[in-house]
Protein backbone atom coordinates (compact mmCIF):
# COMPACT_ATOMS: atom_id res chain seq x y z
CA MET A 1 8.18 -21.23 -24.12
CA THR A 2 11.10 -19.31 -22.87
CA GLY A 3 12.89 -19.17 -19.37
CA GLU A 4 11.80 -15.39 -19.50
CA ILE A 5 8.00 -16.08 -20.08
CA GLN A 6 8.53 -18.93 -17.30
CA ILE A 7 9.66 -16.51 -14.50
CA LEU A 8 6.77 -14.41 -15.48
CA LYS A 9 4.16 -17.05 -15.48
CA ASP A 10 5.93 -18.45 -12.13
CA PHE A 11 5.36 -15.02 -10.22
CA VAL A 12 1.87 -14.46 -11.56
CA GLU A 13 0.82 -18.09 -10.47
CA GLY A 14 2.60 -18.02 -7.08
CA ARG A 15 5.71 -20.08 -7.74
CA LEU A 16 8.27 -17.12 -7.40
CA ALA A 17 8.27 -14.98 -4.68
CA HIS A 18 8.02 -11.56 -4.71
CA LYS A 19 11.78 -10.56 -3.84
CA ALA A 20 12.97 -13.14 -6.09
CA PHE A 21 11.24 -11.38 -9.16
CA GLU A 22 12.16 -8.17 -7.79
CA GLN A 23 15.91 -9.27 -8.58
CA GLN A 24 14.98 -10.79 -12.10
CA ILE A 25 13.46 -7.48 -12.89
CA TYR A 26 16.84 -5.33 -12.07
CA THR A 27 19.22 -8.02 -13.12
CA ASN A 28 18.01 -10.57 -15.97
CA SER A 29 18.34 -8.22 -19.50
CA ALA A 30 16.78 -11.13 -21.25
CA LEU A 31 13.45 -10.35 -19.24
CA GLU A 32 14.10 -6.50 -19.74
CA LYS A 33 14.16 -6.60 -23.31
CA LEU A 34 11.11 -8.72 -23.48
CA LEU A 35 9.07 -6.66 -21.25
CA SER A 36 10.13 -3.95 -22.99
CA ASP A 37 8.98 -5.31 -26.69
CA PRO A 38 8.24 -2.07 -28.59
CA ALA A 39 5.46 -4.01 -30.82
CA ILE A 40 3.38 -3.98 -28.14
CA SER A 41 0.54 -1.81 -27.87
CA TRP A 42 -0.22 -0.53 -24.90
CA HIS A 43 -2.79 1.91 -26.07
CA GLY A 44 -5.79 2.62 -23.55
CA THR A 45 -3.99 0.92 -20.78
CA TYR A 46 -2.32 2.23 -17.74
CA LEU A 47 0.42 1.21 -19.52
CA GLU A 48 0.54 3.84 -22.08
CA GLY A 49 3.57 6.29 -22.64
CA THR A 50 5.59 3.47 -21.32
CA ASN A 51 6.49 -0.14 -21.24
CA ALA A 52 5.78 -3.01 -18.83
CA PHE A 53 9.53 -2.93 -17.75
CA LEU A 54 10.25 0.42 -16.83
CA TYR A 55 6.46 0.02 -14.55
CA LEU A 56 8.12 -2.70 -12.76
CA ALA A 57 10.80 -1.51 -12.31
CA GLU A 58 9.50 1.43 -10.43
CA LEU A 59 7.26 -0.20 -8.17
CA ASN A 60 8.10 -1.09 -4.01
CA TYR A 61 7.64 -4.45 -4.02
CA GLU A 62 8.22 -4.09 -0.46
CA ASN A 63 4.50 -3.49 0.34
CA SER A 64 1.19 -5.37 -0.95
CA VAL A 65 -0.09 -2.73 -3.23
CA GLY A 66 3.46 -2.74 -5.23
CA ARG A 67 3.12 -6.14 -5.44
CA ILE A 68 -0.43 -6.34 -6.39
CA GLU A 69 0.20 -3.94 -8.59
CA SER A 70 3.34 -5.89 -10.26
CA GLN A 71 1.05 -8.88 -10.60
CA GLY A 72 -1.41 -7.39 -12.30
CA THR A 73 1.45 -6.02 -14.68
CA VAL A 74 2.77 -9.25 -15.31
CA GLU A 75 -0.77 -10.94 -15.98
CA LEU A 76 -1.81 -8.04 -18.33
CA PHE A 77 1.78 -8.24 -20.43
CA LEU A 78 1.24 -12.07 -20.68
CA MET A 79 -2.10 -11.94 -21.83
CA LYS A 80 -1.05 -9.26 -24.43
CA ILE A 81 1.46 -11.99 -25.89
CA GLY A 82 -1.44 -14.82 -25.63
CA VAL A 83 0.17 -16.63 -22.47
CA GLU A 84 -2.52 -17.92 -20.55
CA VAL A 85 -2.01 -17.76 -16.60
CA VAL A 86 -4.36 -18.48 -13.55
CA ALA A 87 -3.19 -15.61 -11.43
CA SER A 88 -2.23 -16.28 -7.43
CA LYS A 89 -4.59 -14.71 -5.14
CA LYS A 90 -1.93 -14.41 -2.27
CA TYR A 91 -1.35 -10.88 -2.79
CA THR A 92 -5.04 -9.85 -2.99
CA GLU A 93 -5.93 -11.75 0.30
CA ASP A 94 -2.86 -9.95 2.16
CA ASN A 95 -4.10 -6.67 1.10
CA GLU A 96 -8.03 -7.54 2.37
CA LEU A 97 -6.57 -8.47 5.81
CA LEU A 98 -4.42 -5.34 6.05
CA ASN A 99 -7.82 -3.47 5.02
CA THR A 100 -10.08 -5.28 7.29
CA ALA A 101 -7.67 -5.26 10.24
CA SER A 102 -6.98 -1.28 9.60
CA PRO A 103 -9.53 1.02 11.73
CA LYS A 104 -11.34 3.44 9.77
CA TYR A 105 -9.92 6.24 11.06
CA ILE A 106 -6.45 5.08 10.18
CA ASP A 107 -4.70 5.28 6.56
CA ALA A 108 -1.21 4.40 6.82
CA ASP A 109 1.59 4.59 4.28
CA PRO A 110 2.06 1.03 3.32
CA ASP A 111 5.93 1.18 3.85
CA PHE A 112 4.88 1.74 7.34
CA ILE A 113 2.41 -1.02 7.89
CA GLU A 114 4.72 -3.43 7.03
CA LYS A 115 7.53 -2.36 8.78
CA TYR A 116 5.29 -1.78 12.18
CA ILE A 117 1.98 -3.43 11.79
CA LEU A 118 2.45 -6.74 10.12
CA PRO A 119 3.91 -9.66 12.05
CA THR A 120 7.42 -10.94 11.40
CA GLU A 121 6.17 -14.71 11.69
CA LYS A 122 4.75 -15.84 8.60
CA THR A 123 3.46 -18.96 9.40
CA ILE A 124 0.76 -17.85 11.77
CA SER A 125 -3.34 -18.25 10.76
CA LYS A 126 -5.13 -15.23 9.07
CA ALA A 127 -7.10 -15.01 12.72
CA ASP A 128 -3.97 -14.63 14.40
CA LYS A 129 -2.46 -12.25 12.11
CA LYS A 130 -5.47 -9.93 11.98
CA GLN A 131 -5.89 -9.93 15.89
CA PHE A 132 -1.96 -9.21 15.92
CA MET A 133 -2.12 -6.41 13.39
CA LYS A 134 -5.31 -4.80 15.43
CA GLN A 135 -3.08 -5.14 18.56
CA ARG A 136 -0.28 -3.12 16.84
CA TYR A 137 -2.81 -0.46 15.97
CA ALA A 138 -4.18 0.30 18.95
CA GLU A 139 -0.63 0.17 20.47
CA LEU A 140 0.55 3.03 17.67
CA PHE A 141 -2.39 5.16 17.05
CA LYS A 142 -3.58 6.32 20.70
CA TYR A 143 -6.07 8.85 21.35
CA GLN A 144 -7.45 11.01 24.81
CA THR A 145 -10.96 9.82 24.44
CA LYS A 146 -12.13 9.08 20.69
CA PRO A 147 -10.45 8.70 17.47
CA PRO A 148 -10.91 11.33 15.52
CA GLN A 149 -13.97 11.46 13.11
CA TRP A 150 -12.57 12.58 9.80
CA ILE A 151 -14.42 14.72 7.59
CA GLN A 152 -12.31 13.91 4.45
CA HIS A 153 -9.61 11.17 4.22
CA PRO A 154 -7.62 9.96 7.18
CA ASN A 155 -4.92 11.88 8.28
CA TRP A 156 -3.55 10.85 11.02
CA LEU A 157 -0.11 12.32 11.79
CA ILE A 158 3.20 10.25 11.67
CA ARG A 159 6.56 11.75 12.26
CA ASN A 160 9.93 9.92 12.49
CA ASP A 161 8.04 6.51 12.18
CA LYS A 162 5.84 7.47 15.12
CA PRO A 163 2.69 8.53 15.45
CA LEU A 164 1.45 11.27 17.50
CA PHE A 165 -1.10 11.03 20.02
CA PHE A 166 -4.50 12.13 19.02
CA LEU A 167 -6.15 14.83 21.51
CA GLY A 168 -9.27 15.78 20.36
CA GLN A 169 -10.92 17.63 17.70
CA PHE A 170 -13.26 20.80 17.86
CA GLU A 171 -15.69 22.47 15.15
CA ILE A 172 -15.60 25.14 12.86
CA LYS A 173 -18.78 26.75 12.38
CA ASN A 174 -19.67 30.44 11.04
CA CYS A 175 -16.21 31.37 11.52
CA SER A 176 -14.96 34.74 9.47
CA LEU A 177 -11.64 33.57 9.44
CA PHE A 178 -12.37 30.46 7.21
CA GLN A 179 -14.80 30.29 4.25
CA ASP A 180 -16.19 26.72 5.11
CA ASP A 181 -17.39 24.84 8.45
CA GLY A 182 -15.11 21.87 9.40
CA ARG A 183 -13.25 20.77 11.78
CA ILE A 184 -9.44 21.16 13.56
CA TYR A 185 -8.10 17.88 14.83
CA LEU A 186 -5.22 18.42 17.57
CA PHE A 187 -2.03 16.00 17.91
CA ILE A 188 0.93 15.99 20.05
CA ASP A 189 4.04 14.31 19.95
CA THR A 190 4.61 12.74 23.54
CA GLU A 191 8.45 12.97 23.15
CA THR A 192 8.53 16.67 22.64
CA GLY A 193 5.53 18.07 23.53
CA ALA A 194 4.86 20.20 19.74
CA VAL A 195 1.18 20.29 19.21
CA GLU A 196 0.22 19.78 15.42
CA THR A 197 -3.06 20.19 13.95
CA ILE A 198 -4.79 19.29 10.44
CA LYS A 199 -7.80 21.40 9.20
CA GLN A 200 -10.51 19.77 7.12
CA PHE A 201 -13.53 21.20 5.65
CA TYR A 202 -17.01 20.03 4.39
């Protein structure tokens, strides 16, 4: 087994940290050549029209989504070349924790979550981490009386890495200005006083 294949196995199986793997992607020319092998067919997969190296080089390893995608891509590559691996569950477990700790009315960008929601202390228990995250959500995403009840996908406004304060919502019904019924959601920037709105329709 070549050193590059061992690097890939170590990453998928959890022995190589995502930052170290990302560095290998950017600096290891032998690894680039291996992952770019034109003899490997990606027909019928999400890598069709590209290759494993190019896909991995464009991922953001600083958030949980990027880490899960990179692990899955490397696992798929190893399967294609006949190398068996037992994938670590760490990245999927981390993502499940993010999903369970996040309120249903918030769907913040993964980079925002990594920067402002996740605890910096890595050794705390899963329960303490979840409690910390719930507290951070409550501190950052504030509202007047009730959180927004979204008709469609959650779209809490964030400006300059700061969630706006949610004032409330009101119904749009039988209004000649709009083709459909829906709701308007009002947010305010507590620093500038600027009010912004989101419209969603049924």
